[in-house]
Amino acid sequence: MLIVFEGIDGAGKTTQVDILLDKLRKQGEEVSFYQYPSKKERSKKIYDHLLEKTKLTADQLLTLYLDDIYYDQQELKNKTKDEIIILSRYIFSTIAYQGIKLGMEYIIKEVEKRNFLKPDIVFLLDIPAEEGLRRKKGGEHIFEKDLEFQEKVRQNLLNLYKSHYFASHWVFLDGERAVKDIYKVIEQNIKIYK
């Protein structure tokens, strides 16, 4: 089973992923976790750009993001046979973020040139951009400081959710609700599709 968590910066993805990982492991489930961009050497150029150490063009950044995700595809395909795989961000974030400069249609065409694994469930944690920035308190990444940019990303993610892009089951989660209430909805949906 492949489960994806999406949302703008500060939406609460890490909190919900941590709760889910803990509960599933306590239940004896085989679980793996991946996040994108990954924290591996192959993503160094992405993080250098996000931390404003280097400048990359939008096309260069898109290629790096897609390559980072694509690198794990065979491993993910193998693991989903026996494990629950949880992803914090996936191609949807790439489309939403990079789509601002390059256009979502262009990004979607680039995504569809590759054979990405389709998720079973995508959880979209939604919060207003102002709340995301407040929670991040002016984070260190270039995109975590820009209210207008975050609002555009949010709208792009909502559009992907509304169209059920690349996944048959999307779940909208109000990221301003109590953490435990959000988790209950996640847990209920996983039971349905497990």
N, C-alpha and C. Protein backbone atom coordinates (compact mmCIF):
# COMPACT_ATOMS: atom_id res chain seq x y z
N MET A 1 0.84 -1.18 0.00
CA MET A 1 0.00 0.00 0.00
C MET A 1 0.89 1.24 0.00
N LEU A 2 0.55 2.19 -0.85
CA LEU A 2 1.33 3.43 -0.95
C LEU A 2 0.45 4.60 -0.51
N ILE A 3 0.89 5.27 0.54
CA ILE A 3 0.14 6.38 1.14
C ILE A 3 0.98 7.64 1.00
N VAL A 4 0.36 8.71 0.51
CA VAL A 4 1.06 9.98 0.31
C VAL A 4 0.42 11.07 1.16
N PHE A 5 1.27 11.89 1.78
CA PHE A 5 0.81 13.08 2.50
C PHE A 5 1.29 14.30 1.74
N GLU A 6 0.35 15.19 1.46
CA GLU A 6 0.65 16.43 0.75
C GLU A 6 0.10 17.62 1.52
N GLY A 7 0.62 18.79 1.22
CA GLY A 7 0.16 20.03 1.84
C GLY A 7 1.26 21.07 1.75
N ILE A 8 0.88 22.32 1.91
CA ILE A 8 1.88 23.38 1.87
C ILE A 8 2.79 23.28 3.08
N ASP A 9 3.84 24.07 3.09
CA ASP A 9 4.75 24.10 4.23
C ASP A 9 3.98 24.51 5.48
N GLY A 10 4.15 23.73 6.55
CA GLY A 10 3.48 24.03 7.81
C GLY A 10 2.10 23.42 7.96
N ALA A 11 1.67 22.60 7.01
CA ALA A 11 0.31 22.05 7.05
C ALA A 11 0.13 20.97 8.11
N GLY A 12 1.21 20.36 8.56
CA GLY A 12 1.10 19.32 9.58
C GLY A 12 1.42 17.92 9.07
N LYS A 13 2.05 17.83 7.92
CA LYS A 13 2.38 16.52 7.34
C LYS A 13 3.28 15.71 8.27
N THR A 14 4.33 16.31 8.75
CA THR A 14 5.29 15.59 9.59
C THR A 14 4.62 15.07 10.85
N THR A 15 3.78 15.87 11.47
CA THR A 15 3.07 15.45 12.68
C THR A 15 2.22 14.22 12.41
N GLN A 16 1.42 14.26 11.34
CA GLN A 16 0.53 13.13 11.04
C GLN A 16 1.31 11.90 10.59
N VAL A 17 2.36 12.10 9.82
CA VAL A 17 3.19 10.97 9.38
C VAL A 17 3.81 10.29 10.60
N ASP A 18 4.34 11.07 11.53
CA ASP A 18 4.97 10.50 12.72
C ASP A 18 3.98 9.69 13.55
N ILE A 19 2.76 10.19 13.71
CA ILE A 19 1.73 9.46 14.46
C ILE A 19 1.40 8.15 13.74
N LEU A 20 1.19 8.24 12.44
CA LEU A 20 0.83 7.05 11.66
C LEU A 20 1.94 6.00 11.69
N LEU A 21 3.17 6.42 11.49
CA LEU A 21 4.30 5.48 11.54
C LEU A 21 4.36 4.77 12.89
N ASP A 22 4.22 5.53 13.96
CA ASP A 22 4.28 4.98 15.30
C ASP A 22 3.17 3.95 15.52
N LYS A 23 1.94 4.31 15.17
CA LYS A 23 0.80 3.40 15.39
C LYS A 23 0.92 2.14 14.55
N LEU A 24 1.29 2.28 13.28
CA LEU A 24 1.41 1.10 12.42
C LEU A 24 2.51 0.17 12.91
N ARG A 25 3.63 0.73 13.33
CA ARG A 25 4.73 -0.11 13.83
C ARG A 25 4.34 -0.83 15.11
N LYS A 26 3.59 -0.15 15.99
CA LYS A 26 3.12 -0.78 17.22
C LYS A 26 2.14 -1.91 16.93
N GLN A 27 1.45 -1.83 15.79
CA GLN A 27 0.52 -2.89 15.38
C GLN A 27 1.25 -4.03 14.67
N GLY A 28 2.56 -3.90 14.53
CA GLY A 28 3.36 -4.95 13.91
C GLY A 28 3.40 -4.90 12.40
N GLU A 29 2.99 -3.80 11.82
CA GLU A 29 3.00 -3.65 10.36
C GLU A 29 4.42 -3.37 9.87
N GLU A 30 4.72 -3.88 8.69
CA GLU A 30 5.96 -3.53 8.00
C GLU A 30 5.73 -2.18 7.33
N VAL A 31 6.50 -1.17 7.73
CA VAL A 31 6.29 0.18 7.23
C VAL A 31 7.62 0.80 6.82
N SER A 32 7.61 1.48 5.68
CA SER A 32 8.77 2.26 5.25
C SER A 32 8.34 3.70 5.03
N PHE A 33 9.27 4.61 5.24
CA PHE A 33 8.98 6.04 5.09
C PHE A 33 9.99 6.67 4.13
N TYR A 34 9.46 7.51 3.24
CA TYR A 34 10.29 8.29 2.32
C TYR A 34 9.77 9.72 2.32
N GLN A 35 10.67 10.65 2.14
CA GLN A 35 10.23 12.04 1.97
C GLN A 35 10.94 12.64 0.78
N TYR A 36 10.26 13.60 0.18
CA TYR A 36 10.83 14.28 -0.99
C TYR A 36 10.73 15.78 -0.81
N PRO A 37 11.79 16.52 -1.14
CA PRO A 37 13.04 15.96 -1.62
C PRO A 37 13.67 15.08 -0.54
N SER A 38 14.38 14.04 -0.99
CA SER A 38 15.00 13.12 -0.04
C SER A 38 16.13 13.85 0.69
N LYS A 39 16.59 13.24 1.73
CA LYS A 39 17.71 13.81 2.49
C LYS A 39 19.03 13.16 2.08
N LYS A 40 19.05 12.63 0.86
CA LYS A 40 20.23 11.92 0.37
C LYS A 40 21.12 12.86 -0.44
N GLU A 41 22.31 12.39 -0.70
CA GLU A 41 23.30 13.20 -1.44
C GLU A 41 22.76 13.67 -2.79
N ARG A 42 21.93 12.84 -3.41
CA ARG A 42 21.40 13.20 -4.73
C ARG A 42 20.53 14.45 -4.70
N SER A 43 20.08 14.84 -3.52
CA SER A 43 19.22 16.03 -3.39
C SER A 43 19.95 17.27 -2.92
N LYS A 44 21.26 17.18 -2.78
CA LYS A 44 22.04 18.31 -2.26
C LYS A 44 21.81 19.59 -3.05
N LYS A 45 21.77 19.49 -4.37
CA LYS A 45 21.57 20.69 -5.20
C LYS A 45 20.20 21.32 -4.95
N ILE A 46 19.20 20.49 -4.68
CA ILE A 46 17.87 21.01 -4.37
C ILE A 46 17.93 21.82 -3.08
N TYR A 47 18.51 21.23 -2.04
CA TYR A 47 18.57 21.93 -0.75
C TYR A 47 19.44 23.18 -0.81
N ASP A 48 20.52 23.13 -1.58
CA ASP A 48 21.34 24.33 -1.75
C ASP A 48 20.52 25.45 -2.38
N HIS A 49 19.66 25.10 -3.33
CA HIS A 49 18.79 26.11 -3.94
C HIS A 49 17.77 26.62 -2.93
N LEU A 50 17.13 25.71 -2.20
CA LEU A 50 16.12 26.10 -1.22
C LEU A 50 16.69 26.99 -0.12
N LEU A 51 17.96 26.75 0.21
CA LEU A 51 18.63 27.55 1.24
C LEU A 51 19.32 28.78 0.65
N GLU A 52 19.09 29.01 -0.63
CA GLU A 52 19.61 30.17 -1.36
C GLU A 52 21.14 30.20 -1.43
N LYS A 53 21.76 29.02 -1.41
CA LYS A 53 23.21 28.93 -1.57
C LYS A 53 23.60 28.93 -3.05
N THR A 54 22.69 28.44 -3.89
CA THR A 54 22.91 28.43 -5.34
C THR A 54 21.61 28.82 -6.03
N LYS A 55 21.72 29.17 -7.29
CA LYS A 55 20.55 29.51 -8.11
C LYS A 55 20.42 28.48 -9.21
N LEU A 56 19.23 27.93 -9.36
CA LEU A 56 18.94 27.00 -10.44
C LEU A 56 17.78 27.54 -11.25
N THR A 57 17.74 27.19 -12.52
CA THR A 57 16.58 27.57 -13.32
C THR A 57 15.42 26.68 -12.92
N ALA A 58 14.22 27.10 -13.27
CA ALA A 58 13.02 26.32 -12.96
C ALA A 58 13.10 24.94 -13.61
N ASP A 59 13.61 24.87 -14.84
CA ASP A 59 13.73 23.57 -15.52
C ASP A 59 14.76 22.67 -14.85
N GLN A 60 15.87 23.25 -14.41
CA GLN A 60 16.88 22.46 -13.69
C GLN A 60 16.30 21.89 -12.40
N LEU A 61 15.59 22.73 -11.68
CA LEU A 61 14.99 22.31 -10.42
C LEU A 61 13.96 21.21 -10.65
N LEU A 62 13.13 21.36 -11.67
CA LEU A 62 12.14 20.34 -12.00
C LEU A 62 12.81 19.00 -12.26
N THR A 63 13.85 19.01 -13.06
CA THR A 63 14.57 17.77 -13.37
C THR A 63 15.13 17.13 -12.11
N LEU A 64 15.70 17.92 -11.23
CA LEU A 64 16.25 17.39 -9.98
C LEU A 64 15.17 16.78 -9.11
N TYR A 65 14.04 17.46 -8.97
CA TYR A 65 12.93 16.92 -8.17
C TYR A 65 12.42 15.61 -8.75
N LEU A 66 12.15 15.58 -10.04
CA LEU A 66 11.62 14.37 -10.66
C LEU A 66 12.63 13.22 -10.60
N ASP A 67 13.90 13.52 -10.82
CA ASP A 67 14.94 12.48 -10.72
C ASP A 67 15.02 11.93 -9.30
N ASP A 68 14.90 12.79 -8.31
CA ASP A 68 14.96 12.38 -6.91
C ASP A 68 13.85 11.37 -6.61
N ILE A 69 12.65 11.67 -7.04
CA ILE A 69 11.52 10.77 -6.80
C ILE A 69 11.66 9.50 -7.64
N TYR A 70 12.04 9.66 -8.88
CA TYR A 70 12.13 8.51 -9.79
C TYR A 70 13.18 7.50 -9.33
N TYR A 71 14.22 7.98 -8.70
CA TYR A 71 15.31 7.12 -8.23
C TYR A 71 14.80 5.97 -7.36
N ASP A 72 13.76 6.23 -6.55
CA ASP A 72 13.24 5.23 -5.61
C ASP A 72 12.12 4.36 -6.18
N GLN A 73 11.71 4.58 -7.42
CA GLN A 73 10.51 3.91 -7.93
C GLN A 73 10.57 2.39 -7.88
N GLN A 74 11.64 1.78 -8.33
CA GLN A 74 11.70 0.32 -8.31
C GLN A 74 11.64 -0.22 -6.89
N GLU A 75 12.35 0.44 -6.00
CA GLU A 75 12.34 0.03 -4.59
C GLU A 75 10.93 0.15 -4.02
N LEU A 76 10.24 1.25 -4.33
CA LEU A 76 8.86 1.42 -3.86
C LEU A 76 7.95 0.34 -4.42
N LYS A 77 8.08 0.04 -5.70
CA LYS A 77 7.25 -1.00 -6.32
C LYS A 77 7.46 -2.34 -5.64
N ASN A 78 8.69 -2.67 -5.34
CA ASN A 78 8.99 -3.93 -4.66
C ASN A 78 8.42 -3.96 -3.25
N LYS A 79 8.57 -2.88 -2.53
CA LYS A 79 8.14 -2.84 -1.14
C LYS A 79 6.62 -2.81 -0.98
N THR A 80 5.90 -2.20 -1.93
CA THR A 80 4.44 -2.10 -1.76
C THR A 80 3.76 -3.46 -1.82
N LYS A 81 4.46 -4.48 -2.25
CA LYS A 81 3.89 -5.84 -2.27
C LYS A 81 3.69 -6.37 -0.85
N ASP A 82 4.59 -6.02 0.06
CA ASP A 82 4.56 -6.58 1.41
C ASP A 82 4.49 -5.55 2.53
N GLU A 83 4.63 -4.29 2.19
CA GLU A 83 4.73 -3.26 3.22
C GLU A 83 3.75 -2.12 2.96
N ILE A 84 3.58 -1.32 3.99
CA ILE A 84 2.90 -0.04 3.84
C ILE A 84 3.99 1.00 3.65
N ILE A 85 3.91 1.76 2.59
CA ILE A 85 4.90 2.80 2.30
C ILE A 85 4.23 4.14 2.52
N ILE A 86 4.88 4.99 3.29
CA ILE A 86 4.35 6.33 3.56
C ILE A 86 5.32 7.35 2.97
N LEU A 87 4.77 8.25 2.17
CA LEU A 87 5.57 9.31 1.55
C LEU A 87 5.13 10.67 2.05
N SER A 88 6.07 11.47 2.47
CA SER A 88 5.80 12.88 2.76
C SER A 88 6.24 13.66 1.53
N ARG A 89 5.26 14.08 0.77
CA ARG A 89 5.40 14.73 -0.53
C ARG A 89 5.72 13.67 -1.59
N TYR A 90 5.26 13.99 -2.80
CA TYR A 90 5.47 13.09 -3.94
C TYR A 90 5.37 13.96 -5.19
N ILE A 91 4.98 13.39 -6.30
CA ILE A 91 4.91 14.16 -7.54
C ILE A 91 3.94 15.32 -7.46
N PHE A 92 2.96 15.23 -6.56
CA PHE A 92 1.95 16.29 -6.44
C PHE A 92 2.58 17.60 -5.98
N SER A 93 3.50 17.51 -5.03
CA SER A 93 4.21 18.72 -4.58
C SER A 93 5.06 19.28 -5.71
N THR A 94 5.71 18.41 -6.45
CA THR A 94 6.52 18.88 -7.58
C THR A 94 5.65 19.63 -8.57
N ILE A 95 4.48 19.07 -8.88
CA ILE A 95 3.56 19.73 -9.81
C ILE A 95 3.10 21.07 -9.24
N ALA A 96 2.70 21.07 -7.97
CA ALA A 96 2.15 22.29 -7.35
C ALA A 96 3.19 23.39 -7.21
N TYR A 97 4.38 23.05 -6.75
CA TYR A 97 5.42 24.07 -6.53
C TYR A 97 6.04 24.53 -7.85
N GLN A 98 6.50 23.57 -8.65
CA GLN A 98 7.17 23.94 -9.90
C GLN A 98 6.19 24.46 -10.94
N GLY A 99 4.93 24.10 -10.78
CA GLY A 99 3.90 24.57 -11.70
C GLY A 99 3.67 26.07 -11.65
N ILE A 100 4.10 26.70 -10.58
CA ILE A 100 3.93 28.16 -10.47
C ILE A 100 4.76 28.87 -11.53
N LYS A 101 6.00 28.44 -11.70
CA LYS A 101 6.87 29.09 -12.70
C LYS A 101 6.73 28.49 -14.09
N LEU A 102 6.52 27.19 -14.15
CA LEU A 102 6.54 26.51 -15.45
C LEU A 102 5.15 26.16 -15.98
N GLY A 103 4.13 26.30 -15.16
CA GLY A 103 2.77 25.93 -15.56
C GLY A 103 2.49 24.48 -15.22
N MET A 104 1.34 24.23 -14.61
CA MET A 104 1.01 22.88 -14.18
C MET A 104 0.90 21.91 -15.35
N GLU A 105 0.36 22.37 -16.46
CA GLU A 105 0.18 21.48 -17.61
C GLU A 105 1.54 20.95 -18.10
N TYR A 106 2.52 21.83 -18.15
CA TYR A 106 3.87 21.44 -18.57
C TYR A 106 4.45 20.40 -17.60
N ILE A 107 4.30 20.66 -16.30
CA ILE A 107 4.85 19.74 -15.29
C ILE A 107 4.16 18.38 -15.40
N ILE A 108 2.84 18.40 -15.54
CA ILE A 108 2.10 17.14 -15.65
C ILE A 108 2.59 16.33 -16.86
N LYS A 109 2.84 16.99 -17.96
CA LYS A 109 3.37 16.28 -19.14
C LYS A 109 4.73 15.66 -18.83
N GLU A 110 5.57 16.40 -18.11
CA GLU A 110 6.89 15.88 -17.74
C GLU A 110 6.76 14.69 -16.79
N VAL A 111 5.83 14.78 -15.84
CA VAL A 111 5.59 13.68 -14.89
C VAL A 111 5.13 12.44 -15.65
N GLU A 112 4.23 12.64 -16.58
CA GLU A 112 3.63 11.51 -17.29
C GLU A 112 4.59 10.83 -18.27
N LYS A 113 5.74 11.44 -18.52
CA LYS A 113 6.77 10.79 -19.34
C LYS A 113 7.49 9.68 -18.57
N ARG A 114 7.33 9.69 -17.27
CA ARG A 114 7.99 8.71 -16.41
C ARG A 114 6.94 7.75 -15.86
N ASN A 115 7.37 6.62 -15.45
CA ASN A 115 6.45 5.60 -14.95
C ASN A 115 6.41 5.63 -13.42
N PHE A 116 5.80 6.68 -12.87
CA PHE A 116 5.71 6.79 -11.42
C PHE A 116 4.63 5.86 -10.89
N LEU A 117 4.88 5.31 -9.72
CA LEU A 117 3.92 4.44 -9.04
C LEU A 117 2.73 5.28 -8.57
N LYS A 118 1.52 4.76 -8.81
CA LYS A 118 0.31 5.48 -8.38
C LYS A 118 0.02 5.15 -6.92
N PRO A 119 -0.26 6.17 -6.12
CA PRO A 119 -0.58 5.93 -4.72
C PRO A 119 -1.98 5.34 -4.55
N ASP A 120 -2.17 4.62 -3.44
CA ASP A 120 -3.49 4.11 -3.09
C ASP A 120 -4.33 5.21 -2.46
N ILE A 121 -3.69 6.04 -1.64
CA ILE A 121 -4.38 7.14 -0.97
C ILE A 121 -3.46 8.36 -0.94
N VAL A 122 -4.05 9.52 -1.20
CA VAL A 122 -3.34 10.79 -1.02
C VAL A 122 -4.11 11.60 0.01
N PHE A 123 -3.45 11.93 1.10
CA PHE A 123 -4.04 12.79 2.12
C PHE A 123 -3.56 14.22 1.88
N LEU A 124 -4.49 15.12 1.65
CA LEU A 124 -4.14 16.53 1.47
C LEU A 124 -4.48 17.29 2.73
N LEU A 125 -3.45 17.68 3.46
CA LEU A 125 -3.62 18.53 4.65
C LEU A 125 -3.67 19.97 4.17
N ASP A 126 -4.81 20.61 4.38
CA ASP A 126 -5.01 21.96 3.86
C ASP A 126 -5.11 22.96 5.00
N ILE A 127 -4.33 24.02 4.88
CA ILE A 127 -4.42 25.16 5.80
C ILE A 127 -4.24 26.43 4.99
N PRO A 128 -4.73 27.56 5.51
CA PRO A 128 -4.45 28.83 4.83
C PRO A 128 -2.94 29.09 4.81
N ALA A 129 -2.49 29.74 3.77
CA ALA A 129 -1.05 30.03 3.64
C ALA A 129 -0.53 30.83 4.83
N GLU A 130 -1.34 31.75 5.34
CA GLU A 130 -0.91 32.56 6.49
C GLU A 130 -0.60 31.67 7.69
N GLU A 131 -1.45 30.66 7.91
CA GLU A 131 -1.25 29.75 9.03
C GLU A 131 0.00 28.91 8.83
N GLY A 132 0.24 28.47 7.61
CA GLY A 132 1.45 27.70 7.32
C GLY A 132 2.71 28.49 7.62
N LEU A 133 2.72 29.76 7.21
CA LEU A 133 3.90 30.61 7.49
C LEU A 133 4.05 30.87 8.98
N ARG A 134 2.92 31.03 9.67
CA ARG A 134 2.98 31.25 11.12
C ARG A 134 3.60 30.03 11.80
N ARG A 135 3.16 28.86 11.39
CA ARG A 135 3.69 27.62 11.98
C ARG A 135 5.18 27.44 11.67
N LYS A 136 5.59 27.79 10.48
CA LYS A 136 7.00 27.66 10.10
C LYS A 136 7.85 28.79 10.66
N LYS A 137 7.21 29.85 11.08
CA LYS A 137 7.90 31.02 11.67
C LYS A 137 9.05 31.49 10.79
N GLY A 138 8.75 31.71 9.52
CA GLY A 138 9.80 32.20 8.60
C GLY A 138 10.91 31.20 8.43
N GLY A 139 10.56 29.99 8.03
CA GLY A 139 11.51 28.88 7.88
C GLY A 139 12.73 29.24 7.06
N GLU A 140 13.64 28.29 7.00
CA GLU A 140 14.94 28.55 6.36
C GLU A 140 14.90 28.40 4.84
N HIS A 141 13.90 27.69 4.31
CA HIS A 141 13.84 27.50 2.86
C HIS A 141 13.20 28.71 2.19
N ILE A 142 13.64 28.98 0.99
CA ILE A 142 13.20 30.16 0.24
C ILE A 142 11.67 30.22 0.11
N PHE A 143 11.02 29.06 -0.11
CA PHE A 143 9.57 29.04 -0.33
C PHE A 143 8.78 29.18 0.97
N GLU A 144 9.43 28.93 2.11
CA GLU A 144 8.73 28.98 3.39
C GLU A 144 8.51 30.41 3.89
N LYS A 145 9.00 31.39 3.16
CA LYS A 145 8.92 32.78 3.61
C LYS A 145 7.97 33.62 2.77
N ASP A 146 7.40 33.05 1.73
CA ASP A 146 6.67 33.81 0.72
C ASP A 146 5.19 33.46 0.76
N LEU A 147 4.39 34.36 1.34
CA LEU A 147 2.96 34.12 1.51
C LEU A 147 2.25 33.93 0.17
N GLU A 148 2.51 34.80 -0.77
CA GLU A 148 1.84 34.72 -2.08
C GLU A 148 2.19 33.40 -2.78
N PHE A 149 3.44 33.01 -2.70
CA PHE A 149 3.87 31.75 -3.31
C PHE A 149 3.15 30.57 -2.67
N GLN A 150 3.11 30.55 -1.33
CA GLN A 150 2.46 29.45 -0.62
C GLN A 150 0.97 29.37 -0.96
N GLU A 151 0.32 30.51 -1.13
CA GLU A 151 -1.10 30.50 -1.50
C GLU A 151 -1.29 29.91 -2.90
N LYS A 152 -0.38 30.21 -3.81
CA LYS A 152 -0.46 29.63 -5.17
C LYS A 152 -0.25 28.12 -5.11
N VAL A 153 0.69 27.69 -4.30
CA VAL A 153 0.94 26.25 -4.14
C VAL A 153 -0.32 25.59 -3.58
N ARG A 154 -0.90 26.22 -2.58
CA ARG A 154 -2.13 25.68 -1.98
C ARG A 154 -3.21 25.51 -3.03
N GLN A 155 -3.41 26.52 -3.85
CA GLN A 155 -4.45 26.44 -4.89
C GLN A 155 -4.12 25.34 -5.90
N ASN A 156 -2.86 25.19 -6.25
CA ASN A 156 -2.47 24.11 -7.16
C ASN A 156 -2.75 22.74 -6.55
N LEU A 157 -2.44 22.57 -5.26
CA LEU A 157 -2.73 21.30 -4.59
C LEU A 157 -4.23 21.04 -4.53
N LEU A 158 -5.01 22.08 -4.24
CA LEU A 158 -6.47 21.92 -4.22
C LEU A 158 -7.00 21.53 -5.59
N ASN A 159 -6.43 22.08 -6.64
CA ASN A 159 -6.85 21.70 -8.00
C ASN A 159 -6.52 20.24 -8.30
N LEU A 160 -5.37 19.78 -7.85
CA LEU A 160 -5.02 18.36 -8.03
C LEU A 160 -5.98 17.47 -7.26
N TYR A 161 -6.32 17.89 -6.04
CA TYR A 161 -7.28 17.15 -5.22
C TYR A 161 -8.64 17.08 -5.91
N LYS A 162 -9.13 18.20 -6.37
CA LYS A 162 -10.46 18.25 -7.00
C LYS A 162 -10.53 17.38 -8.25
N SER A 163 -9.43 17.26 -8.96
CA SER A 163 -9.43 16.45 -10.19
C SER A 163 -9.04 14.99 -9.92
N HIS A 164 -8.73 14.67 -8.66
CA HIS A 164 -8.25 13.33 -8.29
C HIS A 164 -7.10 12.90 -9.19
N TYR A 165 -6.20 13.83 -9.43
CA TYR A 165 -5.08 13.58 -10.33
C TYR A 165 -4.21 12.42 -9.84
N PHE A 166 -3.98 11.45 -10.68
CA PHE A 166 -3.01 10.37 -10.51
C PHE A 166 -3.26 9.46 -9.31
N ALA A 167 -4.44 9.55 -8.69
CA ALA A 167 -4.79 8.66 -7.59
C ALA A 167 -6.31 8.61 -7.52
N SER A 168 -6.83 7.43 -7.29
CA SER A 168 -8.29 7.30 -7.26
C SER A 168 -8.87 7.74 -5.93
N HIS A 169 -8.05 7.75 -4.89
CA HIS A 169 -8.59 8.11 -3.58
C HIS A 169 -7.78 9.25 -2.95
N TRP A 170 -8.36 10.43 -2.97
CA TRP A 170 -7.80 11.59 -2.29
C TRP A 170 -8.67 11.88 -1.08
N VAL A 171 -8.04 12.28 0.02
CA VAL A 171 -8.78 12.65 1.23
C VAL A 171 -8.37 14.06 1.63
N PHE A 172 -9.36 14.95 1.71
CA PHE A 172 -9.13 16.32 2.14
C PHE A 172 -9.15 16.36 3.66
N LEU A 173 -8.14 16.95 4.26
CA LEU A 173 -8.05 17.08 5.72
C LEU A 173 -7.89 18.55 6.08
N ASP A 174 -8.75 19.03 6.95
CA ASP A 174 -8.66 20.40 7.43
C ASP A 174 -7.52 20.47 8.43
N GLY A 175 -6.40 21.01 8.03
CA GLY A 175 -5.20 21.05 8.85
C GLY A 175 -5.29 21.95 10.07
N GLU A 176 -6.40 22.68 10.20
CA GLU A 176 -6.57 23.52 11.39
C GLU A 176 -7.33 22.79 12.50
N ARG A 177 -7.83 21.62 12.20
CA ARG A 177 -8.50 20.83 13.24
C ARG A 177 -7.46 20.28 14.22
N ALA A 178 -7.95 19.76 15.33
CA ALA A 178 -7.06 19.16 16.33
C ALA A 178 -6.31 17.98 15.72
N VAL A 179 -5.07 17.82 16.12
CA VAL A 179 -4.20 16.77 15.59
C VAL A 179 -4.88 15.40 15.69
N LYS A 180 -5.48 15.10 16.85
CA LYS A 180 -6.10 13.79 17.04
C LYS A 180 -7.31 13.59 16.16
N ASP A 181 -8.04 14.66 15.90
CA ASP A 181 -9.21 14.57 15.01
C ASP A 181 -8.79 14.31 13.57
N ILE A 182 -7.72 14.95 13.15
CA ILE A 182 -7.20 14.72 11.80
C ILE A 182 -6.75 13.27 11.68
N TYR A 183 -6.05 12.79 12.70
CA TYR A 183 -5.54 11.42 12.65
C TYR A 183 -6.68 10.40 12.57
N LYS A 184 -7.78 10.65 13.26
CA LYS A 184 -8.93 9.72 13.20
C LYS A 184 -9.40 9.52 11.76
N VAL A 185 -9.47 10.61 11.01
CA VAL A 185 -9.90 10.52 9.61
C VAL A 185 -8.88 9.72 8.79
N ILE A 186 -7.61 9.94 9.05
CA ILE A 186 -6.55 9.20 8.36
C ILE A 186 -6.69 7.71 8.65
N GLU A 187 -6.83 7.39 9.92
CA GLU A 187 -6.94 5.99 10.34
C GLU A 187 -8.15 5.30 9.71
N GLN A 188 -9.28 5.99 9.70
CA GLN A 188 -10.51 5.42 9.11
C GLN A 188 -10.31 5.13 7.63
N ASN A 189 -9.69 6.03 6.92
CA ASN A 189 -9.48 5.84 5.48
C ASN A 189 -8.49 4.74 5.18
N ILE A 190 -7.48 4.60 5.99
CA ILE A 190 -6.50 3.53 5.77
C ILE A 190 -7.16 2.17 6.00
N LYS A 191 -8.03 2.07 7.00
CA LYS A 191 -8.74 0.80 7.26
C LYS A 191 -9.59 0.40 6.06
N ILE A 192 -10.20 1.36 5.41
CA ILE A 192 -11.06 1.08 4.25
C ILE A 192 -10.24 0.50 3.10
N TYR A 193 -9.05 1.03 2.89
CA TYR A 193 -8.27 0.67 1.70
C TYR A 193 -7.17 -0.34 1.95
N LYS A 194 -7.04 -0.79 3.17
CA LYS A 194 -5.96 -1.73 3.51
C LYS A 194 -6.30 -3.14 3.04
